[in-house]
PDB file of N, CA and C in Angstrom:
ATOM      1  N   MET A   1     -64.565 -54.819  68.152  1.00  0.00           N
ATOM      2  CA  MET A   1     -64.988 -55.236  66.827  1.00  0.00           C
ATOM      3  C   MET A   1     -65.889 -56.471  66.973  1.00  0.00           C
ATOM      4  N   LYS A   2     -66.973 -56.489  66.228  1.00  0.00           N
ATOM      5  CA  LYS A   2     -67.921 -57.610  66.276  1.00  0.00           C
ATOM      6  C   LYS A   2     -67.344 -58.840  65.595  1.00  0.00           C
ATOM      7  N   LEU A   3     -67.690 -60.009  66.147  1.00  0.00           N
ATOM      8  CA  LEU A   3     -67.306 -61.289  65.569  1.00  0.00           C
ATOM      9  C   LEU A   3     -68.556 -62.104  65.289  1.00  0.00           C
ATOM     10  N   LYS A   4     -68.547 -62.831  64.169  1.00  0.00           N
ATOM     11  CA  LYS A   4     -69.662 -63.732  63.890  1.00  0.00           C
ATOM     12  C   LYS A   4     -69.111 -65.123  63.621  1.00  0.00           C
ATOM     13  N   LYS A   5     -69.839 -66.142  64.053  1.00  0.00           N
ATOM     14  CA  LYS A   5     -69.444 -67.521  63.814  1.00  0.00           C
ATOM     15  C   LYS A   5     -69.684 -67.867  62.351  1.00  0.00           C
ATOM     16  N   VAL A   6     -68.702 -68.531  61.759  1.00  0.00           N
ATOM     17  CA  VAL A   6     -68.845 -68.948  60.364  1.00  0.00           C
ATOM     18  C   VAL A   6     -68.685 -70.452  60.193  1.00  0.00           C
ATOM     19  N   GLY A   7     -68.666 -71.184  61.302  1.00  0.00           N
ATOM     20  CA  GLY A   7     -68.535 -72.640  61.231  1.00  0.00           C
ATOM     21  C   GLY A   7     -67.099 -73.088  61.352  1.00  0.00           C
ATOM     22  N   LYS A   8     -66.778 -74.202  60.744  1.00  0.00           N
ATOM     23  CA  LYS A   8     -65.439 -74.767  60.838  1.00  0.00           C
ATOM     24  C   LYS A   8     -64.610 -74.534  59.576  1.00  0.00           C
ATOM     25  N   VAL A   9     -65.172 -73.873  58.573  1.00  0.00           N
ATOM     26  CA  VAL A   9     -64.459 -73.600  57.320  1.00  0.00           C
ATOM     27  C   VAL A   9     -63.655 -72.317  57.458  1.00  0.00           C
ATOM     28  N   LEU A  10     -62.334 -72.442  57.283  1.00  0.00           N
ATOM     29  CA  LEU A  10     -61.463 -71.279  57.352  1.00  0.00           C
ATOM     30  C   LEU A  10     -61.495 -70.509  56.037  1.00  0.00           C
ATOM     31  N   ALA A  11     -61.465 -71.225  54.921  1.00  0.00           N
ATOM     32  CA  ALA A  11     -61.511 -70.578  53.607  1.00  0.00           C
ATOM     33  C   ALA A  11     -62.040 -71.571  52.582  1.00  0.00           C
ATOM     34  N   GLU A  12     -62.795 -71.050  51.621  1.00  0.00           N
ATOM     35  CA  GLU A  12     -63.335 -71.880  50.540  1.00  0.00           C
ATOM     36  C   GLU A  12     -62.627 -71.546  49.245  1.00  0.00           C
ATOM     37  N   GLY A  13     -62.371 -72.575  48.447  1.00  0.00           N
ATOM     38  CA  GLY A  13     -61.787 -72.357  47.134  1.00  0.00           C
ATOM     39  C   GLY A  13     -62.833 -71.771  46.201  1.00  0.00           C
ATOM     40  N   GLU A  14     -62.459 -70.735  45.460  1.00  0.00           N
ATOM     41  CA  GLU A  14     -63.419 -70.067  44.584  1.00  0.00           C
ATOM     42  C   GLU A  14     -63.725 -70.860  43.325  1.00  0.00           C
ATOM     43  N   THR A  15     -62.756 -71.670  42.871  1.00  0.00           N
ATOM     44  CA  THR A  15     -62.972 -72.375  41.613  1.00  0.00           C
ATOM     45  C   THR A  15     -63.294 -73.850  41.785  1.00  0.00           C
ATOM     46  N   THR A  16     -62.723 -74.500  42.805  1.00  0.00           N
ATOM     47  CA  THR A  16     -62.892 -75.942  42.943  1.00  0.00           C
ATOM     48  C   THR A  16     -64.009 -76.337  43.896  1.00  0.00           C
ATOM     49  N   GLY A  17     -64.389 -75.430  44.791  1.00  0.00           N
ATOM     50  CA  GLY A  17     -65.382 -75.757  45.800  1.00  0.00           C
ATOM     51  C   GLY A  17     -64.801 -76.466  47.007  1.00  0.00           C
ATOM     52  N   HIS A  18     -63.508 -76.755  46.973  1.00  0.00           N
ATOM     53  CA  HIS A  18     -62.848 -77.368  48.116  1.00  0.00           C
ATOM     54  C   HIS A  18     -62.671 -76.333  49.213  1.00  0.00           C
ATOM     55  N   ALA A  19     -62.502 -76.808  50.452  1.00  0.00           N
ATOM     56  CA  ALA A  19     -62.412 -75.882  51.577  1.00  0.00           C
ATOM     57  C   ALA A  19     -61.283 -76.257  52.521  1.00  0.00           C
ATOM     58  N   HIS A  20     -60.688 -75.246  53.148  1.00  0.00           N
ATOM     59  CA  HIS A  20     -59.769 -75.443  54.258  1.00  0.00           C
ATOM     60  C   HIS A  20     -60.659 -75.506  55.498  1.00  0.00           C
ATOM     61  N   ARG A  21     -60.722 -76.683  56.118  1.00  0.00           N
ATOM     62  CA  ARG A  21     -61.698 -76.944  57.173  1.00  0.00           C
ATOM     63  C   ARG A  21     -61.005 -77.443  58.436  1.00  0.00           C
ATOM     64  N   LEU A  22     -61.437 -76.884  59.578  1.00  0.00           N
ATOM     65  CA  LEU A  22     -60.956 -77.340  60.877  1.00  0.00           C
ATOM     66  C   LEU A  22     -61.805 -78.502  61.348  1.00  0.00           C
ATOM     67  N   LEU A  23     -61.183 -79.445  62.018  1.00  0.00           N
ATOM     68  CA  LEU A  23     -61.894 -80.624  62.488  1.00  0.00           C
ATOM     69  C   LEU A  23     -62.768 -80.315  63.709  1.00  0.00           C
ATOM     70  N   LYS A  24     -62.244 -79.538  64.682  1.00  0.00           N
ATOM     71  CA  LYS A  24     -62.959 -79.320  65.942  1.00  0.00           C
ATOM     72  C   LYS A  24     -63.285 -77.863  66.255  1.00  0.00           C
ATOM     73  N   THR A  25     -62.498 -76.932  65.761  1.00  0.00           N
ATOM     74  CA  THR A  25     -62.554 -75.540  66.217  1.00  0.00           C
ATOM     75  C   THR A  25     -63.501 -74.684  65.391  1.00  0.00           C
ATOM     76  N   GLU A  26     -64.287 -73.833  66.062  1.00  0.00           N
ATOM     77  CA  GLU A  26     -65.189 -72.869  65.411  1.00  0.00           C
ATOM     78  C   GLU A  26     -64.378 -71.670  64.925  1.00  0.00           C
ATOM     79  N   VAL A  27     -64.672 -71.211  63.718  1.00  0.00           N
ATOM     80  CA  VAL A  27     -64.016 -70.041  63.141  1.00  0.00           C
ATOM     81  C   VAL A  27     -64.924 -68.831  63.326  1.00  0.00           C
ATOM     82  N   LEU A  28     -64.322 -67.693  63.684  1.00  0.00           N
ATOM     83  CA  LEU A  28     -65.043 -66.435  63.823  1.00  0.00           C
ATOM     84  C   LEU A  28     -64.533 -65.470  62.763  1.00  0.00           C
ATOM     85  N   GLU A  29     -65.428 -64.607  62.266  1.00  0.00           N
ATOM     86  CA  GLU A  29     -65.029 -63.621  61.271  1.00  0.00           C
ATOM     87  C   GLU A  29     -65.270 -62.222  61.807  1.00  0.00           C
ATOM     88  N   ARG A  30     -64.248 -61.365  61.682  1.00  0.00           N
ATOM     89  CA  ARG A  30     -64.363 -59.974  62.100  1.00  0.00           C
ATOM     90  C   ARG A  30     -65.050 -59.166  61.008  1.00  0.00           C
ATOM     91  N   GLU A  31     -65.455 -57.946  61.348  1.00  0.00           N
ATOM     92  CA  GLU A  31     -66.127 -57.076  60.374  1.00  0.00           C
ATOM     93  C   GLU A  31     -65.238 -56.757  59.172  1.00  0.00           C
ATOM     94  N   ASP A  32     -63.911 -56.781  59.365  1.00  0.00           N
ATOM     95  CA  ASP A  32     -62.988 -56.467  58.275  1.00  0.00           C
ATOM     96  C   ASP A  32     -62.656 -57.686  57.405  1.00  0.00           C
ATOM     97  N   GLY A  33     -63.304 -58.840  57.679  1.00  0.00           N
ATOM     98  CA  GLY A  33     -63.117 -60.030  56.868  1.00  0.00           C
ATOM     99  C   GLY A  33     -62.045 -60.980  57.358  1.00  0.00           C
ATOM    100  N   VAL A  34     -61.271 -60.565  58.348  1.00  0.00           N
ATOM    101  CA  VAL A  34     -60.246 -61.449  58.893  1.00  0.00           C
ATOM    102  C   VAL A  34     -60.929 -62.533  59.714  1.00  0.00           C
ATOM    103  N   ARG A  35     -60.515 -63.757  59.502  1.00  0.00           N
ATOM    104  CA  ARG A  35     -61.071 -64.876  60.272  1.00  0.00           C
ATOM    105  C   ARG A  35     -60.079 -65.260  61.358  1.00  0.00           C
ATOM    106  N   GLU A  36     -60.617 -65.599  62.536  1.00  0.00           N
ATOM    107  CA  GLU A  36     -59.757 -65.987  63.643  1.00  0.00           C
ATOM    108  C   GLU A  36     -60.361 -67.163  64.386  1.00  0.00           C
ATOM    109  N   PHE A  37     -59.475 -67.898  65.054  1.00  0.00           N
ATOM    110  CA  PHE A  37     -59.919 -69.054  65.836  1.00  0.00           C
ATOM    111  C   PHE A  37     -58.855 -69.366  66.877  1.00  0.00           C
ATOM    112  N   GLU A  38     -59.274 -70.059  67.919  1.00  0.00           N
ATOM    113  CA  GLU A  38     -58.351 -70.450  68.976  1.00  0.00           C
ATOM    114  C   GLU A  38     -58.404 -71.961  69.140  1.00  0.00           C
ATOM    115  N   VAL A  39     -57.267 -72.598  68.899  1.00  0.00           N
ATOM    116  CA  VAL A  39     -57.156 -74.042  69.034  1.00  0.00           C
ATOM    117  C   VAL A  39     -56.911 -74.376  70.500  1.00  0.00           C
ATOM    118  N   GLY A  40     -57.718 -75.293  71.030  1.00  0.00           N
ATOM    119  CA  GLY A  40     -57.623 -75.696  72.428  1.00  0.00           C
ATOM    120  C   GLY A  40     -56.405 -76.569  72.717  1.00  0.00           C
ATOM    121  N   LYS A  41     -56.289 -76.971  73.962  1.00  0.00           N
ATOM    122  CA  LYS A  41     -55.095 -77.690  74.437  1.00  0.00           C
ATOM    123  C   LYS A  41     -54.843 -79.021  73.734  1.00  0.00           C
ATOM    124  N   ASP A  42     -55.871 -79.621  73.144  1.00  0.00           N
ATOM    125  CA  ASP A  42     -55.700 -80.897  72.438  1.00  0.00           C
ATOM    126  C   ASP A  42     -55.278 -80.725  70.981  1.00  0.00           C
ATOM    127  N   GLY A  43     -55.150 -79.475  70.522  1.00  0.00           N
ATOM    128  CA  GLY A  43     -54.779 -79.219  69.134  1.00  0.00           C
ATOM    129  C   GLY A  43     -55.953 -79.446  68.191  1.00  0.00           C
ATOM    130  N   ASP A  44     -55.705 -79.271  66.911  1.00  0.00           N
ATOM    131  CA  ASP A  44     -56.739 -79.473  65.890  1.00  0.00           C
ATOM    132  C   ASP A  44     -56.042 -79.808  64.581  1.00  0.00           C
ATOM    133  N   THR A  45     -56.832 -80.138  63.578  1.00  0.00           N
ATOM    134  CA  THR A  45     -56.322 -80.462  62.250  1.00  0.00           C
ATOM    135  C   THR A  45     -57.023 -79.588  61.222  1.00  0.00           C
ATOM    136  N   LEU A  46     -56.238 -78.992  60.326  1.00  0.00           N
ATOM    137  CA  LEU A  46     -56.751 -78.235  59.200  1.00  0.00           C
ATOM    138  C   LEU A  46     -56.616 -79.131  57.984  1.00  0.00           C
ATOM    139  N   SER A  47     -57.732 -79.370  57.289  1.00  0.00           N
ATOM    140  CA  SER A  47     -57.683 -80.271  56.134  1.00  0.00           C
ATOM    141  C   SER A  47     -58.177 -79.581  54.871  1.00  0.00           C
ATOM    142  N   HIS A  48     -57.742 -80.110  53.738  1.00  0.00           N
ATOM    143  CA  HIS A  48     -58.150 -79.628  52.425  1.00  0.00           C
ATOM    144  C   HIS A  48     -58.080 -80.822  51.475  1.00  0.00           C
ATOM    145  N   GLU A  49     -59.027 -80.943  50.584  1.00  0.00           N
ATOM    146  CA  GLU A  49     -59.116 -82.091  49.703  1.00  0.00           C
ATOM    147  C   GLU A  49     -57.882 -82.270  48.816  1.00  0.00           C
ATOM    148  N   GLU A  50     -57.217 -81.176  48.454  1.00  0.00           N
ATOM    149  CA  GLU A  50     -56.062 -81.265  47.562  1.00  0.00           C
ATOM    150  C   GLU A  50     -54.724 -81.126  48.284  1.00  0.00           C
ATOM    151  N   HIS A  51     -54.689 -80.391  49.404  1.00  0.00           N
ATOM    152  CA  HIS A  51     -53.424 -80.098  50.084  1.00  0.00           C
ATOM    153  C   HIS A  51     -53.097 -81.050  51.221  1.00  0.00           C
ATOM    154  N   GLY A  52     -54.014 -81.889  51.623  1.00  0.00           N
ATOM    155  CA  GLY A  52     -53.779 -82.789  52.740  1.00  0.00           C
ATOM    156  C   GLY A  52     -54.119 -82.146  54.075  1.00  0.00           C
ATOM    157  N   LYS A  53     -53.482 -82.644  55.156  1.00  0.00           N
ATOM    158  CA  LYS A  53     -53.818 -82.191  56.509  1.00  0.00           C
ATOM    159  C   LYS A  53     -52.621 -81.535  57.176  1.00  0.00           C
ATOM    160  N   ILE A  54     -52.921 -80.564  58.047  1.00  0.00           N
ATOM    161  CA  ILE A  54     -51.901 -79.891  58.849  1.00  0.00           C
ATOM    162  C   ILE A  54     -52.363 -79.934  60.296  1.00  0.00           C
ATOM    163  N   ASP A  55     -51.504 -80.443  61.175  1.00  0.00           N
ATOM    164  CA  ASP A  55     -51.806 -80.436  62.602  1.00  0.00           C
ATOM    165  C   ASP A  55     -51.488 -79.058  63.174  1.00  0.00           C
ATOM    166  N   LEU A  56     -52.424 -78.503  63.938  1.00  0.00           N
ATOM    167  CA  LEU A  56     -52.261 -77.174  64.520  1.00  0.00           C
ATOM    168  C   LEU A  56     -52.047 -77.275  66.023  1.00  0.00           C
ATOM    169  N   ALA A  57     -51.083 -76.521  66.520  1.00  0.00           N
ATOM    170  CA  ALA A  57     -50.784 -76.470  67.945  1.00  0.00           C
ATOM    171  C   ALA A  57     -51.783 -75.559  68.650  1.00  0.00           C
ATOM    172  N   PRO A  58     -51.969 -75.743  69.945  1.00  0.00           N
ATOM    173  CA  PRO A  58     -52.865 -74.879  70.703  1.00  0.00           C
ATOM    174  C   PRO A  58     -52.351 -73.438  70.732  1.00  0.00           C
ATOM    175  N   LYS A  59     -53.142 -72.491  70.238  1.00  0.00           N
ATOM    176  CA  LYS A  59     -52.865 -71.052  70.283  1.00  0.00           C
ATOM    177  C   LYS A  59     -53.955 -70.321  69.510  1.00  0.00           C
ATOM    178  N   LYS A  60     -53.874 -68.992  69.496  1.00  0.00           N
ATOM    179  CA  LYS A  60     -54.809 -68.180  68.712  1.00  0.00           C
ATOM    180  C   LYS A  60     -54.222 -67.972  67.318  1.00  0.00           C
ATOM    181  N   TYR A  61     -55.093 -68.072  66.311  1.00  0.00           N
ATOM    182  CA  TYR A  61     -54.694 -67.885  64.920  1.00  0.00           C
ATOM    183  C   TYR A  61     -55.603 -66.839  64.283  1.00  0.00           C
ATOM    184  N   ASN A  62     -55.102 -66.169  63.242  1.00  0.00           N
ATOM    185  CA  ASN A  62     -55.984 -65.373  62.391  1.00  0.00           C
ATOM    186  C   ASN A  62     -55.549 -65.570  60.946  1.00  0.00           C
ATOM    187  N   SER A  63     -56.484 -65.365  60.049  1.00  0.00           N
ATOM    188  CA  SER A  63     -56.237 -65.628  58.640  1.00  0.00           C
ATOM    189  C   SER A  63     -56.887 -64.543  57.802  1.00  0.00           C
ATOM    190  N   ASP A  64     -56.096 -63.975  56.916  1.00  0.00           N
ATOM    191  CA  ASP A  64     -56.608 -62.983  55.979  1.00  0.00           C
ATOM    192  C   ASP A  64     -56.151 -63.414  54.593  1.00  0.00           C
ATOM    193  N   ARG A  65     -56.888 -63.061  53.599  1.00  0.00           N
ATOM    194  CA  ARG A  65     -56.519 -63.412  52.232  1.00  0.00           C
ATOM    195  C   ARG A  65     -55.295 -62.615  51.811  1.00  0.00           C
ATOM    196  N   VAL A  66     -54.461 -63.227  50.987  1.00  0.00           N
ATOM    197  CA  VAL A  66     -53.285 -62.560  50.446  1.00  0.00           C
ATOM    198  C   VAL A  66     -53.721 -61.706  49.269  1.00  0.00           C
ATOM    199  N   ILE A  67     -53.184 -60.492  49.215  1.00  0.00           N
ATOM    200  CA  ILE A  67     -53.490 -59.558  48.127  1.00  0.00           C
ATOM    201  C   ILE A  67     -52.289 -59.501  47.185  1.00  0.00           C
ATOM    202  N   GLU A  68     -52.562 -59.556  45.880  1.00  0.00           N
ATOM    203  CA  GLU A  68     -51.481 -59.359  44.918  1.00  0.00           C
ATOM    204  C   GLU A  68     -51.819 -58.146  44.056  1.00  0.00           C
ATOM    205  N   PHE A  69     -50.780 -57.459  43.586  1.00  0.00           N
ATOM    206  CA  PHE A  69     -51.009 -56.278  42.759  1.00  0.00           C
ATOM    207  C   PHE A  69     -50.645 -56.605  41.324  1.00  0.00           C
ATOM    208  N   ASP A  70     -51.580 -56.359  40.421  1.00  0.00           N
ATOM    209  CA  ASP A  70     -51.382 -56.560  38.990  1.00  0.00           C
ATOM    210  C   ASP A  70     -50.901 -55.235  38.413  1.00  0.00           C
ATOM    211  N   TRP A  71     -49.604 -55.152  38.118  1.00  0.00           N
ATOM    212  CA  TRP A  71     -49.017 -53.892  37.656  1.00  0.00           C
ATOM    213  C   TRP A  71     -49.500 -53.504  36.267  1.00  0.00           C
ATOM    214  N   PHE A  72     -49.840 -54.465  35.416  1.00  0.00           N
ATOM    215  CA  PHE A  72     -50.301 -54.145  34.061  1.00  0.00           C
ATOM    216  C   PHE A  72     -51.696 -53.528  34.084  1.00  0.00           C
ATOM    217  N   ASN A  73     -52.581 -54.069  34.919  1.00  0.00           N
ATOM    218  CA  ASN A  73     -53.939 -53.539  35.020  1.00  0.00           C
ATOM    219  C   ASN A  73     -54.082 -52.514  36.141  1.00  0.00           C
ATOM    220  N   GLU A  74     -53.003 -52.315  36.914  1.00  0.00           N
ATOM    221  CA  GLU A  74     -52.989 -51.370  38.026  1.00  0.00           C
ATOM    222  C   GLU A  74     -54.153 -51.597  38.985  1.00  0.00           C
ATOM    223  N   GLU A  75     -54.265 -52.831  39.458  1.00  0.00           N
ATOM    224  CA  GLU A  75     -55.310 -53.161  40.418  1.00  0.00           C
ATOM    225  C   GLU A  75     -54.836 -54.219  41.404  1.00  0.00           C
ATOM    226  N   ALA A  76     -55.376 -54.159  42.583  1.00  0.00           N
ATOM    227  CA  ALA A  76     -55.089 -55.165  43.612  1.00  0.00           C
ATOM    228  C   ALA A  76     -56.236 -56.165  43.613  1.00  0.00           C
ATOM    229  N   LYS A  77     -55.883 -57.424  43.825  1.00  0.00           N
ATOM    230  CA  LYS A  77     -56.921 -58.442  43.896  1.00  0.00           C
ATOM    231  C   LYS A  77     -56.486 -59.516  44.876  1.00  0.00           C
ATOM    232  N   ARG A  78     -57.465 -60.205  45.447  1.00  0.00           N
ATOM    233  CA  ARG A  78     -57.185 -61.277  46.396  1.00  0.00           C
ATOM    234  C   ARG A  78     -56.723 -62.519  45.635  1.00  0.00           C
ATOM    235  N   VAL A  79     -55.744 -63.201  46.211  1.00  0.00           N
ATOM    236  CA  VAL A  79     -55.258 -64.450  45.642  1.00  0.00           C
ATOM    237  C   VAL A  79     -56.297 -65.531  45.889  1.00  0.00           C
ATOM    238  N   GLN A  80     -56.564 -66.338  44.871  1.00  0.00           N
ATOM    239  CA  GLN A  80     -57.547 -67.411  45.000  1.00  0.00           C
ATOM    240  C   GLN A  80     -56.839 -68.739  45.089  1.00  0.00           C
ATOM    241  N   ASP A  81     -57.460 -69.675  45.792  1.00  0.00           N
ATOM    242  CA  ASP A  81     -56.899 -71.011  45.951  1.00  0.00           C
ATOM    243  C   ASP A  81     -57.255 -71.861  44.762  1.00  0.00           C
TER     244      ASP A  81
END
């Protein structure tokens, strides 16, 4: 599967413009929309303007949007931050 570099932003907020951003690590996006990254031996920090910071341990990570199902409208939609 092809990967493309998308910078250090893991996810952007759709309404506020705030972003979940890595301090050092490059994020890659797969063709199916899943984003993945590998934190090196020194670790990294994930930050967000409203949620604060999270220290990440060295390992491979992937991130996909959470899907919720609206039973009244009978449709699936991605959860927004």
